[in-house]
All heavy atoms as atom14 arrays in JSON, in Angstrom:
{
  "sequence": "MAAQVFARYVFGAPFQWSEEVARLALIWMTFISAAFVMAERRHIA",
  "atom14_mask": [
    [1, 1, 1, 1, 1, 1, 1, 1, 0, 0, 0, 0, 0, 0],
    [1, 1, 1, 1, 1, 0, 0, 0, 0, 0, 0, 0, 0, 0],
    [1, 1, 1, 1, 1, 0, 0, 0, 0, 0, 0, 0, 0, 0],
    [1, 1, 1, 1, 1, 1, 1, 1, 1, 0, 0, 0, 0, 0],
    [1, 1, 1, 1, 1, 1, 1, 0, 0, 0, 0, 0, 0, 0],
    [1, 1, 1, 1, 1, 1, 1, 1, 1, 1, 1, 0, 0, 0],
    [1, 1, 1, 1, 1, 0, 0, 0, 0, 0, 0, 0, 0, 0],
    [1, 1, 1, 1, 1, 1, 1, 1, 1, 1, 1, 0, 0, 0],
    [1, 1, 1, 1, 1, 1, 1, 1, 1, 1, 1, 1, 0, 0],
    [1, 1, 1, 1, 1, 1, 1, 0, 0, 0, 0, 0, 0, 0],
    [1, 1, 1, 1, 1, 1, 1, 1, 1, 1, 1, 0, 0, 0],
    [1, 1, 1, 1, 0, 0, 0, 0, 0, 0, 0, 0, 0, 0],
    [1, 1, 1, 1, 1, 0, 0, 0, 0, 0, 0, 0, 0, 0],
    [1, 1, 1, 1, 1, 1, 1, 0, 0, 0, 0, 0, 0, 0],
    [1, 1, 1, 1, 1, 1, 1, 1, 1, 1, 1, 0, 0, 0],
    [1, 1, 1, 1, 1, 1, 1, 1, 1, 0, 0, 0, 0, 0],
    [1, 1, 1, 1, 1, 1, 1, 1, 1, 1, 1, 1, 1, 1],
    [1, 1, 1, 1, 1, 1, 0, 0, 0, 0, 0, 0, 0, 0],
    [1, 1, 1, 1, 1, 1, 1, 1, 1, 0, 0, 0, 0, 0],
    [1, 1, 1, 1, 1, 1, 1, 1, 1, 0, 0, 0, 0, 0],
    [1, 1, 1, 1, 1, 1, 1, 0, 0, 0, 0, 0, 0, 0],
    [1, 1, 1, 1, 1, 0, 0, 0, 0, 0, 0, 0, 0, 0],
    [1, 1, 1, 1, 1, 1, 1, 1, 1, 1, 1, 0, 0, 0],
    [1, 1, 1, 1, 1, 1, 1, 1, 0, 0, 0, 0, 0, 0],
    [1, 1, 1, 1, 1, 0, 0, 0, 0, 0, 0, 0, 0, 0],
    [1, 1, 1, 1, 1, 1, 1, 1, 0, 0, 0, 0, 0, 0],
    [1, 1, 1, 1, 1, 1, 1, 1, 0, 0, 0, 0, 0, 0],
    [1, 1, 1, 1, 1, 1, 1, 1, 1, 1, 1, 1, 1, 1],
    [1, 1, 1, 1, 1, 1, 1, 1, 0, 0, 0, 0, 0, 0],
    [1, 1, 1, 1, 1, 1, 1, 0, 0, 0, 0, 0, 0, 0],
    [1, 1, 1, 1, 1, 1, 1, 1, 1, 1, 1, 0, 0, 0],
    [1, 1, 1, 1, 1, 1, 1, 1, 0, 0, 0, 0, 0, 0],
    [1, 1, 1, 1, 1, 1, 0, 0, 0, 0, 0, 0, 0, 0],
    [1, 1, 1, 1, 1, 0, 0, 0, 0, 0, 0, 0, 0, 0],
    [1, 1, 1, 1, 1, 0, 0, 0, 0, 0, 0, 0, 0, 0],
    [1, 1, 1, 1, 1, 1, 1, 1, 1, 1, 1, 0, 0, 0],
    [1, 1, 1, 1, 1, 1, 1, 0, 0, 0, 0, 0, 0, 0],
    [1, 1, 1, 1, 1, 1, 1, 1, 0, 0, 0, 0, 0, 0],
    [1, 1, 1, 1, 1, 0, 0, 0, 0, 0, 0, 0, 0, 0],
    [1, 1, 1, 1, 1, 1, 1, 1, 1, 0, 0, 0, 0, 0],
    [1, 1, 1, 1, 1, 1, 1, 1, 1, 1, 1, 0, 0, 0],
    [1, 1, 1, 1, 1, 1, 1, 1, 1, 1, 1, 0, 0, 0],
    [1, 1, 1, 1, 1, 1, 1, 1, 1, 1, 0, 0, 0, 0],
    [1, 1, 1, 1, 1, 1, 1, 1, 0, 0, 0, 0, 0, 0],
    [1, 1, 1, 1, 1, 0, 0, 0, 0, 0, 0, 0, 0, 0]
  ],
  "atom14_positions": [
    [[-27.78, 51.47, -9.21], [-27.69, 52.93, -9.22], [-28.74, 53.56, -8.3], [-28.48, 54.59, -7.66], [-27.86, 53.45, -10.64], [-26.75, 53.0, -11.6], [-25.08, 53.3, -10.98], [-25.07, 55.08, -10.87], [0.0, 0.0, 0.0], [0.0, 0.0, 0.0], [0.0, 0.0, 0.0], [0.0, 0.0, 0.0], [0.0, 0.0, 0.0], [0.0, 0.0, 0.0]],
    [[-29.92, 52.95, -8.19], [-30.92, 53.46, -7.26], [-30.44, 53.31, -5.81], [-30.61, 54.24, -4.99], [-32.24, 52.72, -7.45], [0.0, 0.0, 0.0], [0.0, 0.0, 0.0], [0.0, 0.0, 0.0], [0.0, 0.0, 0.0], [0.0, 0.0, 0.0], [0.0, 0.0, 0.0], [0.0, 0.0, 0.0], [0.0, 0.0, 0.0], [0.0, 0.0, 0.0]],
    [[-29.81, 52.18, -5.5], [-29.27, 51.99, -4.15], [-28.13, 52.96, -3.87], [-27.99, 53.47, -2.74], [-28.79, 50.55, -3.99], [0.0, 0.0, 0.0], [0.0, 0.0, 0.0], [0.0, 0.0, 0.0], [0.0, 0.0, 0.0], [0.0, 0.0, 0.0], [0.0, 0.0, 0.0], [0.0, 0.0, 0.0], [0.0, 0.0, 0.0], [0.0, 0.0, 0.0]],
    [[-27.34, 53.26, -4.9], [-26.24, 54.21, -4.74], [-26.77, 55.61, -4.42], [-26.26, 56.3, -3.51], [-25.39, 54.23, -6.01], [-24.4, 55.36, -6.13], [-23.2, 55.16, -5.22], [-23.16, 54.24, -4.42], [-22.24, 56.05, -5.32], [0.0, 0.0, 0.0], [0.0, 0.0, 0.0], [0.0, 0.0, 0.0], [0.0, 0.0, 0.0], [0.0, 0.0, 0.0]],
    [[-27.78, 56.04, -5.16], [-28.36, 57.37, -4.91], [-29.01, 57.43, -3.53], [-28.89, 58.44, -2.8], [-29.38, 57.71, -6.03], [-30.13, 58.99, -5.71], [-28.67, 57.83, -7.37], [0.0, 0.0, 0.0], [0.0, 0.0, 0.0], [0.0, 0.0, 0.0], [0.0, 0.0, 0.0], [0.0, 0.0, 0.0], [0.0, 0.0, 0.0], [0.0, 0.0, 0.0]],
    [[-29.71, 56.37, -3.17], [-30.37, 56.34, -1.85], [-29.35, 56.4, -0.72], [-29.51, 57.13, 0.26], [-31.22, 55.08, -1.74], [-32.0, 54.99, -0.47], [-33.2, 55.69, -0.32], [-31.55, 54.21, 0.59], [-33.92, 55.61, 0.86], [-32.27, 54.13, 1.77], [-33.46, 54.84, 1.91], [0.0, 0.0, 0.0], [0.0, 0.0, 0.0], [0.0, 0.0, 0.0]],
    [[-28.27, 55.62, -0.86], [-27.25, 55.61, 0.18], [-26.49, 56.93, 0.25], [-26.09, 57.38, 1.34], [-26.28, 54.47, -0.06], [0.0, 0.0, 0.0], [0.0, 0.0, 0.0], [0.0, 0.0, 0.0], [0.0, 0.0, 0.0], [0.0, 0.0, 0.0], [0.0, 0.0, 0.0], [0.0, 0.0, 0.0], [0.0, 0.0, 0.0], [0.0, 0.0, 0.0]],
    [[-26.32, 57.58, -0.87], [-25.57, 58.83, -0.89], [-26.34, 59.97, -0.23], [-25.79, 60.73, 0.58], [-25.2, 59.2, -2.32], [-24.45, 60.52, -2.46], [-24.27, 60.87, -3.93], [-23.44, 59.91, -4.6], [-22.09, 59.98, -4.66], [-21.46, 61.0, -4.06], [-21.4, 59.08, -5.31], [0.0, 0.0, 0.0], [0.0, 0.0, 0.0], [0.0, 0.0, 0.0]],
    [[-27.63, 60.1, -0.58], [-28.38, 61.26, -0.12], [-29.18, 61.0, 1.16], [-29.63, 61.96, 1.79], [-29.34, 61.72, -1.23], [-28.62, 62.3, -2.41], [-28.42, 61.54, -3.56], [-28.14, 63.61, -2.37], [-27.75, 62.07, -4.64], [-27.47, 64.14, -3.46], [-27.27, 63.37, -4.59], [-26.6, 63.89, -5.66], [0.0, 0.0, 0.0], [0.0, 0.0, 0.0]],
    [[-29.35, 59.77, 1.54], [-30.09, 59.47, 2.78], [-29.13, 59.19, 3.92], [-29.23, 59.78, 5.0], [-31.06, 58.29, 2.57], [-31.74, 57.9, 3.88], [-32.12, 58.65, 1.52], [0.0, 0.0, 0.0], [0.0, 0.0, 0.0], [0.0, 0.0, 0.0], [0.0, 0.0, 0.0], [0.0, 0.0, 0.0], [0.0, 0.0, 0.0], [0.0, 0.0, 0.0]],
    [[-28.2, 58.27, 3.7], [-27.26, 57.91, 4.76], [-25.96, 58.7, 4.69], [-25.18, 58.69, 5.64], [-26.94, 56.41, 4.69], [-28.15, 55.53, 4.87], [-28.7, 54.86, 3.79], [-28.74, 55.38, 6.12], [-29.8, 54.05, 3.94], [-29.84, 54.58, 6.27], [-30.39, 53.91, 5.19], [0.0, 0.0, 0.0], [0.0, 0.0, 0.0], [0.0, 0.0, 0.0]],
    [[-25.71, 59.37, 3.57], [-24.48, 60.13, 3.43], [-23.25, 59.26, 3.31], [-22.13, 59.75, 3.5], [0.0, 0.0, 0.0], [0.0, 0.0, 0.0], [0.0, 0.0, 0.0], [0.0, 0.0, 0.0], [0.0, 0.0, 0.0], [0.0, 0.0, 0.0], [0.0, 0.0, 0.0], [0.0, 0.0, 0.0], [0.0, 0.0, 0.0], [0.0, 0.0, 0.0]],
    [[-23.42, 58.0, 2.99], [-22.29, 57.07, 2.86], [-22.53, 56.2, 1.63], [-23.15, 55.13, 1.72], [-22.15, 56.2, 4.11], [0.0, 0.0, 0.0], [0.0, 0.0, 0.0], [0.0, 0.0, 0.0], [0.0, 0.0, 0.0], [0.0, 0.0, 0.0], [0.0, 0.0, 0.0], [0.0, 0.0, 0.0], [0.0, 0.0, 0.0], [0.0, 0.0, 0.0]],
    [[-22.12, 56.64, 0.44], [-22.37, 55.86, -0.78], [-21.54, 54.58, -0.8], [-20.48, 54.48, -0.16], [-21.94, 56.81, -1.9], [-20.95, 57.72, -1.25], [-21.39, 57.87, 0.18], [0.0, 0.0, 0.0], [0.0, 0.0, 0.0], [0.0, 0.0, 0.0], [0.0, 0.0, 0.0], [0.0, 0.0, 0.0], [0.0, 0.0, 0.0], [0.0, 0.0, 0.0]],
    [[-22.05, 53.6, -1.54], [-21.33, 52.34, -1.69], [-20.12, 52.53, -2.59], [-20.18, 53.26, -3.58], [-22.25, 51.26, -2.26], [-23.47, 51.01, -1.43], [-24.73, 51.25, -1.95], [-23.36, 50.52, -0.14], [-25.86, 51.01, -1.19], [-24.48, 50.29, 0.62], [-25.74, 50.53, 0.1], [0.0, 0.0, 0.0], [0.0, 0.0, 0.0], [0.0, 0.0, 0.0]],
    [[-19.06, 51.86, -2.27], [-17.86, 51.96, -3.09], [-17.89, 51.02, -4.29], [-17.14, 51.21, -5.25], [-16.62, 51.66, -2.24], [-16.39, 52.66, -1.12], [-15.15, 52.33, -0.3], [-14.5, 51.32, -0.53], [-14.82, 53.2, 0.64], [0.0, 0.0, 0.0], [0.0, 0.0, 0.0], [0.0, 0.0, 0.0], [0.0, 0.0, 0.0], [0.0, 0.0, 0.0]],
    [[-18.74, 50.01, -4.23], [-18.76, 48.99, -5.27], [-19.9, 49.16, -6.28], [-19.96, 48.46, -7.28], [-18.91, 47.61, -4.63], [-20.01, 47.55, -3.6], [-19.88, 47.72, -2.26], [-21.41, 47.34, -3.86], [-21.1, 47.62, -1.64], [-22.05, 47.37, -2.6], [-22.17, 47.11, -5.0], [-23.43, 47.21, -2.48], [-23.53, 46.93, -4.88], [-24.15, 46.98, -3.62]],
    [[-20.82, 50.1, -6.04], [-22.02, 50.18, -6.87], [-21.7, 50.59, -8.31], [-22.23, 50.01, -9.28], [-23.01, 51.16, -6.25], [-22.42, 52.44, -6.13], [0.0, 0.0, 0.0], [0.0, 0.0, 0.0], [0.0, 0.0, 0.0], [0.0, 0.0, 0.0], [0.0, 0.0, 0.0], [0.0, 0.0, 0.0], [0.0, 0.0, 0.0], [0.0, 0.0, 0.0]],
    [[-20.85, 51.6, -8.48], [-20.52, 52.05, -9.83], [-19.8, 50.97, -10.62], [-20.01, 50.82, -11.83], [-19.67, 53.32, -9.76], [-20.41, 54.52, -9.17], [-19.55, 55.77, -9.17], [-18.4, 55.68, -9.67], [-20.02, 56.81, -8.68], [0.0, 0.0, 0.0], [0.0, 0.0, 0.0], [0.0, 0.0, 0.0], [0.0, 0.0, 0.0], [0.0, 0.0, 0.0]],
    [[-18.97, 50.21, -9.94], [-18.24, 49.14, -10.63], [-19.18, 48.02, -11.06], [-19.05, 47.46, -12.15], [-17.15, 48.6, -9.72], [-15.94, 48.09, -10.48], [-14.76, 47.88, -9.57], [-14.02, 48.86, -9.33], [-14.57, 46.75, -9.09], [0.0, 0.0, 0.0], [0.0, 0.0, 0.0], [0.0, 0.0, 0.0], [0.0, 0.0, 0.0], [0.0, 0.0, 0.0]],
    [[-20.14, 47.69, -10.21], [-21.13, 46.67, -10.57], [-21.97, 47.13, -11.75], [-22.23, 46.37, -12.7], [-22.02, 46.34, -9.35], [-23.19, 45.47, -9.76], [-21.21, 45.65, -8.27], [0.0, 0.0, 0.0], [0.0, 0.0, 0.0], [0.0, 0.0, 0.0], [0.0, 0.0, 0.0], [0.0, 0.0, 0.0], [0.0, 0.0, 0.0], [0.0, 0.0, 0.0]],
    [[-22.41, 48.38, -11.72], [-23.21, 48.91, -12.81], [-22.42, 48.95, -14.11], [-22.95, 48.65, -15.19], [-23.72, 50.31, -12.45], [0.0, 0.0, 0.0], [0.0, 0.0, 0.0], [0.0, 0.0, 0.0], [0.0, 0.0, 0.0], [0.0, 0.0, 0.0], [0.0, 0.0, 0.0], [0.0, 0.0, 0.0], [0.0, 0.0, 0.0], [0.0, 0.0, 0.0]],
    [[-21.14, 49.31, -14.03], [-20.32, 49.35, -15.23], [-20.11, 47.96, -15.81], [-20.18, 47.76, -17.04], [-18.98, 50.0, -14.91], [-18.18, 50.4, -16.14], [-16.84, 51.0, -15.77], [-16.98, 52.11, -14.86], [-16.49, 52.13, -13.61], [-15.82, 51.07, -13.16], [-16.65, 53.17, -12.84], [0.0, 0.0, 0.0], [0.0, 0.0, 0.0], [0.0, 0.0, 0.0]],
    [[-19.86, 47.0, -14.95], [-19.68, 45.63, -15.42], [-20.96, 45.08, -16.04], [-20.93, 44.43, -17.1], [-19.25, 44.74, -14.25], [-19.0, 43.25, -14.56], [-17.89, 43.1, -15.59], [-18.65, 42.49, -13.28], [0.0, 0.0, 0.0], [0.0, 0.0, 0.0], [0.0, 0.0, 0.0], [0.0, 0.0, 0.0], [0.0, 0.0, 0.0], [0.0, 0.0, 0.0]],
    [[-22.1, 45.35, -15.42], [-23.38, 44.9, -15.97], [-23.69, 45.59, -17.29], [-24.25, 44.98, -18.22], [-24.5, 45.16, -14.97], [0.0, 0.0, 0.0], [0.0, 0.0, 0.0], [0.0, 0.0, 0.0], [0.0, 0.0, 0.0], [0.0, 0.0, 0.0], [0.0, 0.0, 0.0], [0.0, 0.0, 0.0], [0.0, 0.0, 0.0], [0.0, 0.0, 0.0]],
    [[-23.3, 46.87, -17.42], [-23.54, 47.59, -18.67], [-22.72, 47.0, -19.81], [-23.22, 46.87, -20.94], [-23.18, 49.07, -18.48], [-23.3, 49.96, -19.72], [-24.74, 50.0, -20.23], [-22.8, 51.36, -19.41], [0.0, 0.0, 0.0], [0.0, 0.0, 0.0], [0.0, 0.0, 0.0], [0.0, 0.0, 0.0], [0.0, 0.0, 0.0], [0.0, 0.0, 0.0]],
    [[-21.49, 46.62, -19.54], [-20.65, 46.03, -20.59], [-21.24, 44.71, -21.06], [-21.37, 44.46, -22.28], [-19.21, 45.84, -20.06], [-18.57, 47.19, -19.76], [-18.37, 45.06, -21.06], [-17.23, 47.1, -19.06], [0.0, 0.0, 0.0], [0.0, 0.0, 0.0], [0.0, 0.0, 0.0], [0.0, 0.0, 0.0], [0.0, 0.0, 0.0], [0.0, 0.0, 0.0]],
    [[-21.64, 43.86, -20.12], [-22.21, 42.58, -20.5], [-23.55, 42.75, -21.22], [-23.84, 42.06, -22.19], [-22.37, 41.69, -19.27], [-21.11, 40.97, -18.9], [-20.13, 41.39, -18.06], [-20.69, 39.7, -19.41], [-19.12, 40.47, -17.99], [-19.44, 39.41, -18.81], [-21.25, 38.78, -20.29], [-18.75, 38.23, -19.08], [-20.56, 37.6, -20.56], [-19.32, 37.33, -19.96]],
    [[-24.37, 43.67, -20.76], [-25.66, 43.9, -21.4], [-25.47, 44.39, -22.84], [-26.22, 44.0, -23.75], [-26.47, 44.92, -20.61], [-27.88, 45.15, -21.15], [-28.71, 46.58, -20.42], [-27.75, 47.91, -21.14], [0.0, 0.0, 0.0], [0.0, 0.0, 0.0], [0.0, 0.0, 0.0], [0.0, 0.0, 0.0], [0.0, 0.0, 0.0], [0.0, 0.0, 0.0]],
    [[-24.46, 45.23, -23.08], [-24.23, 45.76, -24.41], [-23.88, 44.67, -25.4], [-24.45, 44.59, -26.5], [-23.11, 46.82, -24.36], [-23.49, 47.87, -23.47], [-22.84, 47.39, -25.74], [0.0, 0.0, 0.0], [0.0, 0.0, 0.0], [0.0, 0.0, 0.0], [0.0, 0.0, 0.0], [0.0, 0.0, 0.0], [0.0, 0.0, 0.0], [0.0, 0.0, 0.0]],
    [[-22.96, 43.8, -25.04], [-22.52, 42.77, -25.98], [-23.55, 41.65, -26.13], [-23.68, 41.08, -27.22], [-21.17, 42.21, -25.54], [-20.01, 43.12, -25.83], [-19.49, 43.94, -24.84], [-19.46, 43.19, -27.09], [-18.43, 44.8, -25.1], [-18.41, 44.03, -27.37], [-17.89, 44.84, -26.37], [0.0, 0.0, 0.0], [0.0, 0.0, 0.0], [0.0, 0.0, 0.0]],
    [[-24.28, 41.32, -25.07], [-25.34, 40.33, -25.2], [-26.47, 40.88, -26.09], [-27.04, 40.16, -26.92], [-25.87, 39.92, -23.83], [-24.77, 39.23, -23.0], [-27.07, 38.99, -23.96], [-24.28, 37.94, -23.59], [0.0, 0.0, 0.0], [0.0, 0.0, 0.0], [0.0, 0.0, 0.0], [0.0, 0.0, 0.0], [0.0, 0.0, 0.0], [0.0, 0.0, 0.0]],
    [[-26.77, 42.16, -25.92], [-27.81, 42.77, -26.75], [-27.38, 42.83, -28.21], [-28.21, 42.67, -29.11], [-28.13, 44.17, -26.23], [-28.61, 44.13, -24.9], [0.0, 0.0, 0.0], [0.0, 0.0, 0.0], [0.0, 0.0, 0.0], [0.0, 0.0, 0.0], [0.0, 0.0, 0.0], [0.0, 0.0, 0.0], [0.0, 0.0, 0.0], [0.0, 0.0, 0.0]],
    [[-26.11, 43.08, -28.45], [-25.62, 43.11, -29.83], [-25.81, 41.76, -30.51], [-26.01, 41.69, -31.73], [-24.15, 43.51, -29.86], [0.0, 0.0, 0.0], [0.0, 0.0, 0.0], [0.0, 0.0, 0.0], [0.0, 0.0, 0.0], [0.0, 0.0, 0.0], [0.0, 0.0, 0.0], [0.0, 0.0, 0.0], [0.0, 0.0, 0.0], [0.0, 0.0, 0.0]],
    [[-25.79, 40.68, -29.72], [-25.96, 39.34, -30.3], [-27.37, 39.12, -30.81], [-27.58, 38.71, -31.96], [-25.58, 38.28, -29.26], [0.0, 0.0, 0.0], [0.0, 0.0, 0.0], [0.0, 0.0, 0.0], [0.0, 0.0, 0.0], [0.0, 0.0, 0.0], [0.0, 0.0, 0.0], [0.0, 0.0, 0.0], [0.0, 0.0, 0.0], [0.0, 0.0, 0.0]],
    [[-28.39, 39.39, -29.96], [-29.74, 39.12, -30.44], [-30.22, 40.18, -31.44], [-31.1, 39.92, -32.26], [-30.74, 38.98, -29.28], [-31.05, 40.21, -28.51], [-31.91, 41.18, -28.99], [-30.5, 40.41, -27.25], [-32.21, 42.31, -28.26], [-30.79, 41.54, -26.51], [-31.65, 42.49, -27.02], [0.0, 0.0, 0.0], [0.0, 0.0, 0.0], [0.0, 0.0, 0.0]],
    [[-29.63, 41.38, -31.4], [-29.92, 42.35, -32.46], [-29.36, 41.85, -33.79], [-29.96, 42.05, -34.85], [-29.35, 43.73, -32.09], [-29.43, 44.7, -33.26], [-30.1, 44.31, -30.9], [0.0, 0.0, 0.0], [0.0, 0.0, 0.0], [0.0, 0.0, 0.0], [0.0, 0.0, 0.0], [0.0, 0.0, 0.0], [0.0, 0.0, 0.0], [0.0, 0.0, 0.0]],
    [[-28.21, 41.18, -33.74], [-27.65, 40.57, -34.94], [-28.56, 39.47, -35.45], [-28.77, 39.32, -36.67], [-26.26, 40.01, -34.63], [-25.6, 39.28, -35.77], [-25.17, 40.39, -37.12], [-24.91, 39.23, -38.44], [0.0, 0.0, 0.0], [0.0, 0.0, 0.0], [0.0, 0.0, 0.0], [0.0, 0.0, 0.0], [0.0, 0.0, 0.0], [0.0, 0.0, 0.0]],
    [[-29.13, 38.67, -34.55], [-30.02, 37.59, -34.96], [-31.28, 38.13, -35.63], [-31.79, 37.53, -36.59], [-30.4, 36.73, -33.76], [0.0, 0.0, 0.0], [0.0, 0.0, 0.0], [0.0, 0.0, 0.0], [0.0, 0.0, 0.0], [0.0, 0.0, 0.0], [0.0, 0.0, 0.0], [0.0, 0.0, 0.0], [0.0, 0.0, 0.0], [0.0, 0.0, 0.0]],
    [[-31.79, 39.26, -35.15], [-32.99, 39.86, -35.72], [-32.69, 40.81, -36.86], [-33.6, 41.43, -37.41], [-33.76, 40.6, -34.62], [-34.28, 39.68, -33.53], [-34.96, 40.44, -32.41], [-34.85, 41.69, -32.39], [-35.61, 39.8, -31.57], [0.0, 0.0, 0.0], [0.0, 0.0, 0.0], [0.0, 0.0, 0.0], [0.0, 0.0, 0.0], [0.0, 0.0, 0.0]],
    [[-31.4, 40.97, -37.2], [-30.96, 41.83, -38.31], [-31.48, 43.25, -38.14], [-32.03, 43.84, -39.06], [-31.42, 41.24, -39.64], [-30.85, 39.86, -39.89], [-31.11, 39.36, -41.29], [-32.52, 39.36, -41.6], [-33.02, 39.9, -42.7], [-32.24, 40.53, -43.54], [-34.31, 39.84, -42.94], [0.0, 0.0, 0.0], [0.0, 0.0, 0.0], [0.0, 0.0, 0.0]],
    [[-31.27, 43.79, -36.94], [-31.72, 45.14, -36.65], [-30.57, 46.11, -36.41], [-30.78, 47.22, -35.94], [-32.64, 45.13, -35.42], [-33.88, 44.28, -35.62], [-34.8, 44.32, -34.43], [-35.35, 45.64, -34.21], [-36.21, 45.93, -33.23], [-36.6, 44.99, -32.4], [-36.67, 47.15, -33.1], [0.0, 0.0, 0.0], [0.0, 0.0, 0.0], [0.0, 0.0, 0.0]],
    [[-29.35, 45.69, -36.75], [-28.23, 46.62, -36.69], [-28.39, 47.68, -37.79], [-29.0, 47.43, -38.83], [-26.91, 45.88, -36.86], [-26.44, 45.2, -35.62], [-25.98, 45.9, -34.52], [-26.35, 43.88, -35.29], [-25.63, 45.05, -33.57], [-25.84, 43.82, -34.01], [0.0, 0.0, 0.0], [0.0, 0.0, 0.0], [0.0, 0.0, 0.0], [0.0, 0.0, 0.0]],
    [[-27.84, 48.84, -37.53], [-27.91, 49.92, -38.51], [-27.13, 49.52, -39.76], [-25.99, 49.07, -39.69], [-27.36, 51.22, -37.91], [-28.21, 51.66, -36.71], [-27.31, 52.32, -38.96], [-27.68, 52.86, -35.99], [0.0, 0.0, 0.0], [0.0, 0.0, 0.0], [0.0, 0.0, 0.0], [0.0, 0.0, 0.0], [0.0, 0.0, 0.0], [0.0, 0.0, 0.0]],
    [[-27.76, 49.69, -40.9], [-27.14, 49.33, -42.17], [-27.5, 50.35, -43.23], [-28.61, 50.89, -43.23], [-27.58, 47.93, -42.63], [0.0, 0.0, 0.0], [0.0, 0.0, 0.0], [0.0, 0.0, 0.0], [0.0, 0.0, 0.0], [0.0, 0.0, 0.0], [0.0, 0.0, 0.0], [0.0, 0.0, 0.0], [0.0, 0.0, 0.0], [0.0, 0.0, 0.0]]
  ]
}
């Protein structure tokens, strides 16, 4: 996302793939984080 903002406002040509990469990484981070939160029993209950 930092590279996307830099390319958009400095070069005026944003990357077409940056939002998709960030979205894919966000999905994986969410479910991986849910796993170790489950191990530590820190889910809301």
